[in-house]
Amino acid sequence: MPAFDAEKDYAPKWDHDTDTLASFLTWKSASHHNQQTKRLIDAILVPMCQFVREELKQQLANQSTTVRIPGLQDIKNREEETQQQIRTLTNTVNELTKQVATLSARPTPITRAAPVATLAPTQQSPKPPTTKKPTPPTAPTYAQVVEKQPKEFTEVRSKKKAKKETILPKPYPTADRLIIFSLTTAPNDRKEAANRALQLVNKAITNHADIEHPPLILANITATNNLVLTVAPQYLSTTYEPYLAILEDALHEFPIALSRISQRWTRFIVNSIPTTATPEAVRTEIETNYPALRMGQTPRWLTSPERRQGKKASSMIITFIGEMTKKSLGATSLAMFNRECTITEYIMFGPTTQCNKCQTFGHPTQRCTASNYTCAVCAQPHPMKNHPCAIASCKAGHSCNHPPIRCSNCHQPHKASDRNCPTLAKITLGMRRDNAAPTDTVMAV
């Protein structure tokens, strides 16, 4: 495209109107927006504007010197027309500047070069026959041979077995699902009375409009004259606590002295309590001096009245609500009756409790008075963990099953810890004959 010369192309055609400038804008908008045109527009815009301004000034100067002024009004009219032309031209130049800026911001189209055509040879000359011998294949390396061989071992990753979902949800502990009614008198037939109590309670639960919980599932009357009812595995006994009065009314046939919800208890032995104090007074003293401790039961004496004859102080069993230890309790004594009463751990045992030191029944290891150990495997005077064995492959100790094996209680060829021991069977049979649970004997440690 030939170079554009503003003075050559437009100056001779310039007039007082803006036709020449309009032609220039038409040419500008129709031009191709490539990089070369952009450079040309930027190069001629400033000279063009300067040329237009100088041309206007020159024409105005010529008109002012050559034109005769017929009158003052004509001069004012001509001056107004000139100012209007200047304003119009200035607006046109500003618009042209905006269009140039807009065109400069547009992306330049990418022109792809035409593919270079290659002339195919009209005739290919035949290649001369090669006289070189084919190269023999190279021998594979040791790494390549090993890689091609099948792997003898396969890496196996253990997968965690997904937990099988059970149909029934996990039940709550039985100790948290008990409702206990203390009876004043024992029934003649405990089993029949328990069945009757379960029928009466479930009938009341089913027919009462305020109770939305399911019926109870078990009933039992213990040797201590407690009617124990068990709720469903997916419920806690505390959810039935608001309905204890309703359940007591349903059990009107039974002599109920007290009803309560089962809670986890912790028992301690409190020593040095005056024998003149009553269990109710001891409870009042503890609840008054220690409000944070909640009593689960009324305290009771550890020994019989005959054994307390002639003594000024004795021990009581104190029951607190909640699971705790002597360490978590944070005290080694309780202040009562103007004295410090020491606290010891409570350990319950019965006739079937076996000592791990002397192997006899009736007391725990902590209360054993024997001077020597007795082996539960061979009944010899040494600890069971030190039991020897003549067989080298045997682990010895309590796991030894090689003779000689002898029970120290019945002197038969079995271990003293065998639950089928005749001595233990006699004790259990005697307890069943007496229709009584293991005696509630405790000890202080």
Protein backbone atom coordinates (compact mmCIF):
# COMPACT_ATOMS: atom_id res chain seq x y z
CA MET A 1 0.00 0.00 0.00
CA PRO A 2 1.50 3.46 -0.97
CA ALA A 3 2.44 5.82 1.81
CA PHE A 4 -0.12 8.41 2.84
CA ASP A 5 0.76 12.07 2.55
CA ALA A 6 -1.76 14.34 4.30
CA GLU A 7 -0.56 17.59 2.67
CA LYS A 8 -0.58 16.07 -0.83
CA ASP A 9 -3.89 14.22 -0.55
CA TYR A 10 -6.04 16.50 1.58
CA ALA A 11 -4.51 19.96 1.85
CA PRO A 12 -5.51 21.11 -1.68
CA LYS A 13 -9.06 19.93 -1.01
CA TRP A 14 -9.45 21.57 2.41
CA ASP A 15 -12.53 23.75 2.87
CA HIS A 16 -14.31 25.52 5.72
CA ASP A 17 -16.52 22.48 6.33
CA THR A 18 -15.41 19.06 7.62
CA ASP A 19 -15.88 17.04 4.42
CA THR A 20 -12.17 16.43 4.09
CA LEU A 21 -11.92 15.26 7.66
CA ALA A 22 -14.93 12.97 7.17
CA SER A 23 -13.18 11.42 4.18
CA PHE A 24 -10.19 10.84 6.35
CA LEU A 25 -12.33 9.06 9.00
CA THR A 26 -13.96 6.91 6.35
CA TRP A 27 -10.56 5.87 5.08
CA LYS A 28 -9.42 5.22 8.62
CA SER A 29 -12.34 2.91 9.54
CA ALA A 30 -12.07 0.98 6.27
CA SER A 31 -8.37 0.26 6.58
CA HIS A 32 -7.18 -3.20 7.60
CA HIS A 33 -6.27 -3.45 11.28
CA ASN A 34 -2.92 -5.08 11.08
CA GLN A 35 0.35 -4.10 12.66
CA GLN A 36 1.56 -2.04 9.73
CA THR A 37 -1.66 0.01 9.57
CA LYS A 38 -1.48 0.63 13.31
CA ARG A 39 2.02 2.06 12.99
CA LEU A 40 0.98 4.25 10.05
CA ILE A 41 -2.03 5.64 11.96
CA ASP A 42 0.09 6.44 15.01
CA ALA A 43 2.66 8.12 12.76
CA ILE A 44 0.28 10.41 10.81
CA LEU A 45 -2.17 11.34 13.60
CA VAL A 46 -0.07 14.05 15.25
CA PRO A 47 1.15 15.68 11.98
CA MET A 48 -2.40 15.61 10.65
CA CYS A 49 -3.83 17.41 13.68
CA GLN A 50 -1.05 20.00 13.56
CA PHE A 51 -1.60 20.56 9.87
CA VAL A 52 -5.32 21.08 10.35
CA ARG A 53 -4.81 23.62 13.10
CA GLU A 54 -2.20 25.56 11.10
CA GLU A 55 -4.45 25.55 8.03
CA LEU A 56 -7.33 26.98 10.03
CA LYS A 57 -5.16 29.69 11.50
CA GLN A 58 -3.85 30.59 8.03
CA GLN A 59 -7.33 30.83 6.53
CA LEU A 60 -8.57 32.96 9.40
CA ALA A 61 -5.60 35.27 9.02
CA ASN A 62 -6.22 35.63 5.26
CA GLN A 63 -9.92 36.30 5.77
CA SER A 64 -9.27 38.96 8.37
CA THR A 65 -6.95 40.90 6.04
CA THR A 66 -8.69 40.51 2.70
CA VAL A 67 -12.38 40.54 3.57
CA ARG A 68 -13.92 43.90 3.97
CA ILE A 69 -16.03 44.35 7.04
CA PRO A 70 -19.45 45.68 6.02
CA GLY A 71 -20.45 46.23 9.59
CA LEU A 72 -19.97 45.31 13.17
CA GLN A 73 -22.76 42.71 13.12
CA ASP A 74 -21.21 40.85 10.20
CA ILE A 75 -17.90 40.68 12.05
CA LYS A 76 -19.59 39.12 15.10
CA ASN A 77 -21.45 36.60 12.97
CA ARG A 78 -18.28 35.56 11.14
CA GLU A 79 -16.44 35.23 14.47
CA GLU A 80 -19.16 33.00 15.90
CA GLU A 81 -19.08 30.80 12.77
CA THR A 82 -15.33 30.50 13.08
CA GLN A 83 -15.52 29.52 16.74
CA GLN A 84 -18.17 26.92 15.92
CA GLN A 85 -15.93 25.41 13.22
CA ILE A 86 -13.04 25.26 15.67
CA ARG A 87 -15.17 23.48 18.26
CA THR A 88 -16.50 21.03 15.69
CA LEU A 89 -13.01 20.25 14.43
CA THR A 90 -11.72 19.84 18.00
CA ASN A 91 -14.51 17.34 18.81
CA THR A 92 -13.77 15.46 15.61
CA VAL A 93 -10.06 15.24 16.47
CA ASN A 94 -10.91 13.97 19.98
CA GLU A 95 -13.23 11.33 18.55
CA LEU A 96 -10.50 10.27 16.14
CA THR A 97 -8.09 9.91 19.04
CA LYS A 98 -10.53 7.64 20.90
CA GLN A 99 -11.00 5.43 17.84
CA VAL A 100 -7.24 5.11 17.40
CA ALA A 101 -6.90 4.06 21.06
CA THR A 102 -9.69 1.49 20.62
CA LEU A 103 -8.07 0.06 17.49
CA SER A 104 -4.72 -0.16 19.26
CA ALA A 105 -6.24 -2.21 22.09
CA ARG A 106 -7.66 -4.87 19.74
CA PRO A 107 -5.60 -8.06 19.37
CA THR A 108 -3.74 -8.36 16.16
CA PRO A 109 -4.90 -11.35 14.09
CA ILE A 110 -2.30 -14.04 13.71
CA THR A 111 -1.55 -14.81 10.10
CA ARG A 112 -0.30 -18.27 9.43
CA ALA A 113 2.35 -18.67 6.83
CA ALA A 114 1.39 -20.71 3.83
CA PRO A 115 2.93 -24.15 3.80
CA VAL A 116 5.96 -24.40 1.64
CA ALA A 117 5.30 -26.75 -1.23
CA THR A 118 8.04 -29.20 -1.94
CA LEU A 119 8.40 -30.57 -5.38
CA ALA A 120 8.51 -34.31 -5.47
CA PRO A 121 11.24 -35.73 -7.64
CA THR A 122 9.98 -36.93 -10.97
CA GLN A 123 12.12 -39.99 -10.85
CA GLN A 124 14.01 -41.52 -7.99
CA SER A 125 17.28 -43.07 -8.78
CA PRO A 126 17.53 -46.68 -7.58
CA LYS A 127 19.70 -47.17 -4.53
CA PRO A 128 22.78 -49.20 -5.10
CA PRO A 129 22.70 -52.62 -3.46
CA THR A 130 24.33 -52.67 -0.05
CA THR A 131 27.19 -55.01 0.44
CA LYS A 132 27.23 -54.66 4.27
CA LYS A 133 26.33 -57.74 6.29
CA PRO A 134 23.39 -57.38 8.71
CA THR A 135 24.58 -56.66 12.23
CA PRO A 136 23.96 -59.59 14.56
CA PRO A 137 21.56 -58.90 17.45
CA THR A 138 23.31 -57.83 20.60
CA ALA A 139 23.07 -60.09 23.60
CA PRO A 140 20.57 -58.86 26.24
CA THR A 141 21.95 -57.52 29.44
CA TYR A 142 21.42 -59.15 32.81
CA ALA A 143 18.99 -56.42 33.87
CA GLN A 144 16.85 -57.00 30.74
CA VAL A 145 16.74 -60.73 31.35
CA VAL A 146 15.68 -60.27 34.96
CA GLU A 147 13.01 -57.77 33.96
CA LYS A 148 11.44 -60.20 31.46
CA GLN A 149 11.33 -63.07 33.95
CA PRO A 150 8.05 -63.51 35.86
CA LYS A 151 8.12 -62.37 39.44
CA GLU A 152 8.17 -65.18 41.95
CA PHE A 153 6.71 -63.12 44.77
CA THR A 154 3.67 -60.91 44.69
CA GLU A 155 3.27 -58.12 47.18
CA VAL A 156 0.10 -58.68 49.13
CA ARG A 157 -1.20 -55.94 51.38
CA SER A 158 -3.45 -56.88 54.21
CA LYS A 159 -6.85 -55.28 54.04
CA LYS A 160 -8.66 -54.23 57.13
CA LYS A 161 -11.81 -56.17 57.58
CA ALA A 162 -14.84 -54.00 57.59
CA LYS A 163 -16.85 -54.17 60.75
CA LYS A 164 -20.00 -56.14 60.26
CA GLU A 165 -23.06 -54.21 61.18
CA THR A 166 -25.30 -56.03 63.60
CA ILE A 167 -29.05 -56.00 63.38
CA LEU A 168 -29.48 -55.08 67.02
CA PRO A 169 -27.53 -52.12 68.42
CA LYS A 170 -24.94 -52.62 71.13
CA PRO A 171 -26.71 -52.94 74.51
CA TYR A 172 -25.99 -50.86 77.56
CA PRO A 173 -24.28 -52.58 80.52
CA THR A 174 -26.63 -54.54 82.73
CA ALA A 175 -25.58 -52.50 85.76
CA ASP A 176 -27.09 -49.41 84.10
CA ARG A 177 -30.42 -51.11 83.29
CA LEU A 178 -31.72 -52.13 86.73
CA ILE A 179 -34.71 -50.89 88.74
CA ILE A 180 -34.58 -52.06 92.36
CA PHE A 181 -37.44 -52.36 94.86
CA SER A 182 -36.51 -53.20 98.44
CA LEU A 183 -39.03 -55.60 100.05
CA THR A 184 -39.75 -55.73 103.78
CA THR A 185 -40.50 -59.47 103.78
CA ALA A 186 -39.31 -62.32 101.60
CA PRO A 187 -41.86 -64.17 99.42
CA ASN A 188 -42.38 -67.91 99.81
CA ASP A 189 -41.50 -68.68 96.17
CA ARG A 190 -39.00 -66.21 94.73
CA LYS A 191 -39.34 -67.38 91.12
CA GLU A 192 -43.13 -67.26 91.09
CA ALA A 193 -43.14 -63.86 92.82
CA ALA A 194 -40.66 -62.47 90.27
CA ASN A 195 -42.84 -63.63 87.36
CA ARG A 196 -45.91 -62.04 88.95
CA ALA A 197 -44.06 -58.75 89.49
CA LEU A 198 -42.92 -58.66 85.85
CA GLN A 199 -46.51 -59.19 84.65
CA LEU A 200 -47.90 -56.40 86.83
CA VAL A 201 -45.20 -53.90 85.85
CA ASN A 202 -45.44 -54.55 82.10
CA LYS A 203 -49.22 -54.31 82.21
CA ALA A 204 -48.94 -50.89 83.82
CA ILE A 205 -46.33 -49.73 81.28
CA THR A 206 -48.44 -50.90 78.33
CA ASN A 207 -51.72 -49.40 79.50
CA HIS A 208 -50.42 -46.07 80.85
CA ALA A 209 -50.68 -43.25 78.32
CA ASP A 210 -47.71 -41.28 79.68
CA ILE A 211 -45.16 -44.10 79.41
CA GLU A 212 -43.71 -44.40 75.90
CA HIS A 213 -40.90 -46.81 76.78
CA PRO A 214 -41.08 -50.56 76.10
CA PRO A 215 -41.92 -53.15 78.77
CA LEU A 216 -39.26 -54.66 81.01
CA ILE A 217 -37.59 -57.95 80.12
CA LEU A 218 -36.37 -59.56 83.37
CA ALA A 219 -37.35 -59.77 87.04
CA ASN A 220 -35.52 -61.37 89.94
CA ILE A 221 -35.77 -61.42 93.74
CA THR A 222 -32.38 -61.65 95.43
CA ALA A 223 -31.47 -63.24 98.74
CA THR A 224 -31.40 -59.79 100.33
CA ASN A 225 -35.13 -59.32 99.48
CA ASN A 226 -34.59 -56.93 96.57
CA LEU A 227 -36.91 -57.09 93.56
CA VAL A 228 -34.63 -56.31 90.60
CA LEU A 229 -36.23 -55.42 87.25
CA THR A 230 -34.16 -55.14 84.06
CA VAL A 231 -35.10 -52.80 81.20
CA ALA A 232 -34.52 -53.44 77.49
CA PRO A 233 -30.89 -53.58 76.25
CA GLN A 234 -31.22 -50.33 74.28
CA TYR A 235 -32.49 -48.28 77.24
CA LEU A 236 -31.11 -47.02 80.55
CA SER A 237 -32.90 -47.41 83.84
CA THR A 238 -32.69 -43.65 84.36
CA THR A 239 -35.29 -43.15 81.59
CA TYR A 240 -37.85 -44.96 83.81
CA GLU A 241 -37.08 -42.88 86.91
CA PRO A 242 -40.03 -40.46 86.39
CA TYR A 243 -42.40 -43.47 86.45
CA LEU A 244 -41.24 -45.07 89.72
CA ALA A 245 -44.47 -44.04 91.47
CA ILE A 246 -46.52 -45.69 88.72
CA LEU A 247 -44.50 -48.89 89.01
CA GLU A 248 -44.88 -48.92 92.80
CA ASP A 249 -48.66 -48.64 92.43
CA ALA A 250 -48.61 -51.56 90.01
CA LEU A 251 -46.70 -53.65 92.57
CA HIS A 252 -49.28 -53.09 95.33
CA GLU A 253 -49.23 -56.83 96.11
CA PHE A 254 -45.59 -56.60 97.26
CA PRO A 255 -44.41 -54.99 100.55
CA ILE A 256 -42.16 -52.32 99.01
CA ALA A 257 -40.08 -50.25 101.41
CA LEU A 258 -37.93 -48.33 98.93
CA SER A 259 -37.54 -47.99 95.15
CA ARG A 260 -34.52 -46.67 93.29
CA ILE A 261 -32.70 -46.69 89.97
CA SER A 262 -29.49 -48.67 89.69
CA GLN A 263 -26.33 -46.60 89.72
CA ARG A 264 -22.69 -47.52 89.89
CA TRP A 265 -21.54 -47.48 93.51
CA THR A 266 -18.23 -47.51 95.28
CA ARG A 267 -17.80 -48.92 98.74
CA PHE A 268 -15.23 -48.05 101.37
CA ILE A 269 -14.62 -49.17 104.93
CA VAL A 270 -14.56 -46.35 107.48
CA ASN A 271 -12.82 -47.24 110.74
CA SER A 272 -12.88 -45.82 114.28
CA ILE A 273 -16.61 -45.05 114.29
CA PRO A 274 -18.05 -44.96 117.83
CA THR A 275 -20.15 -48.03 118.57
CA THR A 276 -22.75 -45.77 120.16
CA ALA A 277 -23.51 -44.15 116.78
CA THR A 278 -26.37 -45.43 114.64
CA PRO A 279 -26.13 -45.98 110.83
CA GLU A 280 -28.61 -43.14 110.26
CA ALA A 281 -26.48 -40.79 112.36
CA VAL A 282 -23.38 -41.75 110.37
CA ARG A 283 -25.18 -41.01 107.10
CA THR A 284 -26.36 -37.63 108.37
CA GLU A 285 -22.86 -36.79 109.57
CA ILE A 286 -21.27 -37.58 106.17
CA GLU A 287 -23.93 -35.78 104.11
CA THR A 288 -23.64 -32.70 106.34
CA ASN A 289 -19.86 -32.49 106.43
CA TYR A 290 -19.28 -33.56 102.80
CA PRO A 291 -22.10 -32.36 100.48
CA ALA A 292 -20.19 -33.48 97.36
CA LEU A 293 -20.45 -37.14 98.44
CA ARG A 294 -23.77 -38.77 97.61
CA MET A 295 -24.70 -41.76 99.73
CA GLY A 296 -26.01 -44.76 97.82
CA GLN A 297 -27.12 -46.75 100.86
CA THR A 298 -27.37 -46.29 104.57
CA PRO A 299 -24.07 -47.31 106.20
CA ARG A 300 -23.96 -50.66 107.98
CA TRP A 301 -21.62 -52.22 110.50
CA LEU A 302 -18.87 -54.46 109.23
CA THR A 303 -19.06 -56.90 112.17
CA SER A 304 -21.92 -58.49 114.11
CA PRO A 305 -23.28 -56.97 117.37
CA GLU A 306 -21.68 -59.81 119.35
CA ARG A 307 -18.22 -58.93 118.06
CA ARG A 308 -18.76 -55.23 118.87
CA GLN A 309 -19.58 -55.97 122.53
CA GLY A 310 -17.14 -54.20 124.81
CA LYS A 311 -15.59 -52.10 122.00
CA LYS A 312 -15.65 -48.32 121.91
CA ALA A 313 -15.17 -48.08 118.10
CA SER A 314 -15.66 -50.31 115.09
CA SER A 315 -15.83 -50.19 111.27
CA MET A 316 -18.71 -49.49 108.89
CA ILE A 317 -19.29 -50.06 105.16
CA ILE A 318 -19.98 -46.73 103.41
CA THR A 319 -21.51 -46.69 99.90
CA PHE A 320 -21.04 -43.67 97.60
CA ILE A 321 -22.77 -43.12 94.27
CA GLY A 322 -20.32 -43.17 91.34
CA GLU A 323 -17.13 -44.96 90.42
CA MET A 324 -14.17 -43.78 92.44
CA THR A 325 -11.03 -44.95 94.14
CA LYS A 326 -9.30 -43.91 97.30
CA LYS A 327 -6.98 -41.78 95.19
CA SER A 328 -9.77 -40.08 93.25
CA LEU A 329 -11.66 -39.50 96.49
CA GLY A 330 -8.78 -37.27 97.56
CA ALA A 331 -8.91 -38.13 101.27
CA THR A 332 -7.61 -40.81 103.61
CA SER A 333 -10.05 -40.05 106.43
CA LEU A 334 -13.43 -38.50 107.16
CA ALA A 335 -14.12 -36.17 110.07
CA MET A 336 -17.08 -37.49 112.08
CA PHE A 337 -18.13 -37.34 115.71
CA ASN A 338 -15.19 -35.11 116.59
CA ARG A 339 -12.59 -37.60 115.34
CA GLU A 340 -10.75 -38.62 112.17
CA CYS A 341 -12.10 -41.90 110.80
CA THR A 342 -9.65 -43.55 108.40
CA ILE A 343 -10.78 -44.93 105.01
CA THR A 344 -9.66 -48.26 103.55
CA GLU A 345 -10.53 -50.11 100.34
CA TYR A 346 -13.48 -52.49 100.31
CA ILE A 347 -12.90 -56.03 99.06
CA MET A 348 -15.75 -58.53 99.03
CA PHE A 349 -15.14 -62.28 99.13
CA GLY A 350 -17.05 -65.43 99.98
CA PRO A 351 -16.66 -69.16 100.58
CA THR A 352 -15.64 -69.79 96.95
CA THR A 353 -12.91 -67.13 96.93
CA GLN A 354 -9.53 -68.86 96.43
CA CYS A 355 -6.25 -67.53 97.76
CA ASN A 356 -3.42 -67.40 95.22
CA LYS A 357 -0.83 -67.89 97.93
CA CYS A 358 -1.98 -70.93 99.94
CA GLN A 359 -4.57 -72.14 97.33
CA THR A 360 -7.31 -72.63 99.95
CA PHE A 361 -10.88 -71.25 99.71
CA GLY A 362 -12.63 -68.71 101.87
CA HIS A 363 -10.31 -65.69 101.83
CA PRO A 364 -8.47 -63.50 99.30
CA THR A 365 -4.71 -63.33 98.86
CA GLN A 366 -4.50 -60.02 100.73
CA ARG A 367 -5.82 -61.68 103.90
CA CYS A 368 -3.72 -64.84 103.77
CA THR A 369 -1.83 -65.62 106.96
CA ALA A 370 0.24 -68.56 105.61
CA SER A 371 3.99 -68.20 105.97
CA ASN A 372 4.89 -70.10 102.77
CA TYR A 373 3.55 -70.30 99.24
CA THR A 374 1.87 -73.42 97.89
CA CYS A 375 2.19 -74.31 94.21
CA ALA A 376 -1.12 -74.79 92.38
CA VAL A 377 0.50 -77.29 90.02
CA CYS A 378 2.39 -79.72 92.28
CA ALA A 379 1.35 -78.60 95.81
CA GLN A 380 5.00 -78.06 96.77
CA PRO A 381 6.14 -75.12 98.96
CA HIS A 382 7.09 -72.63 96.24
CA PRO A 383 5.21 -69.98 94.21
CA MET A 384 3.32 -71.25 91.22
CA LYS A 385 5.32 -69.04 88.84
CA ASN A 386 8.50 -70.85 89.96
CA HIS A 387 7.15 -74.35 89.30
CA PRO A 388 9.95 -76.40 87.61
CA CYS A 389 9.55 -79.00 84.85
CA ALA A 390 11.94 -81.72 83.67
CA ILE A 391 10.93 -81.31 80.01
CA ALA A 392 13.12 -78.71 78.31
CA SER A 393 10.46 -77.59 75.80
CA CYS A 394 7.91 -76.85 78.55
CA LYS A 395 7.40 -73.24 79.56
CA ALA A 396 6.94 -74.41 83.17
CA GLY A 397 5.12 -72.16 85.61
CA HIS A 398 1.31 -72.22 85.69
CA SER A 399 1.13 -73.49 82.07
CA CYS A 400 2.90 -76.77 82.86
CA ASN A 401 0.75 -79.88 82.29
CA HIS A 402 3.38 -82.56 82.91
CA PRO A 403 3.38 -84.78 85.99
CA PRO A 404 3.66 -84.64 88.86
CA ILE A 405 0.39 -82.62 89.16
CA ARG A 406 -1.37 -82.58 92.53
CA CYS A 407 -4.10 -80.46 94.15
CA SER A 408 -3.27 -79.16 97.61
CA ASN A 409 -6.99 -79.19 98.64
CA CYS A 410 -8.25 -82.65 97.58
CA HIS A 411 -4.83 -84.27 96.87
CA GLN A 412 -6.02 -85.54 93.47
CA PRO A 413 -3.99 -85.34 90.19
CA HIS A 414 -5.23 -81.97 88.96
CA LYS A 415 -4.27 -78.35 89.53
CA ALA A 416 -5.60 -76.52 92.55
CA SER A 417 -7.06 -73.88 90.22
CA ASP A 418 -9.24 -76.42 88.43
CA ARG A 419 -12.89 -75.32 88.74
CA ASN A 420 -13.94 -79.01 88.77
CA CYS A 421 -12.10 -79.63 92.03
CA PRO A 422 -14.25 -81.76 94.44
CA THR A 423 -13.48 -79.38 97.31
CA LEU A 424 -14.93 -76.44 95.39
CA ALA A 425 -17.91 -78.55 94.36
CA LYS A 426 -18.70 -79.35 98.01
CA ILE A 427 -18.59 -75.67 98.95
CA THR A 428 -20.88 -74.72 96.05
CA LEU A 429 -23.31 -77.55 96.89
CA GLY A 430 -23.52 -76.42 100.49
CA MET A 431 -24.31 -72.87 99.43
CA ARG A 432 -27.11 -74.07 97.16
CA ARG A 433 -28.49 -76.25 99.93
CA ASP A 434 -28.70 -73.25 102.20
CA ASN A 435 -30.39 -71.29 99.38
CA ALA A 436 -28.15 -68.34 100.01
CA ALA A 437 -25.75 -66.24 97.97
CA PRO A 438 -22.07 -65.96 98.91
CA THR A 439 -21.68 -64.28 102.26
CA ASP A 440 -21.06 -60.57 102.09
CA THR A 441 -17.74 -60.63 103.87
CA VAL A 442 -15.37 -57.75 103.43
CA MET A 443 -11.89 -56.87 104.48
CA ALA A 444 -9.79 -53.75 104.87
CA VAL A 445 -6.53 -53.38 103.02
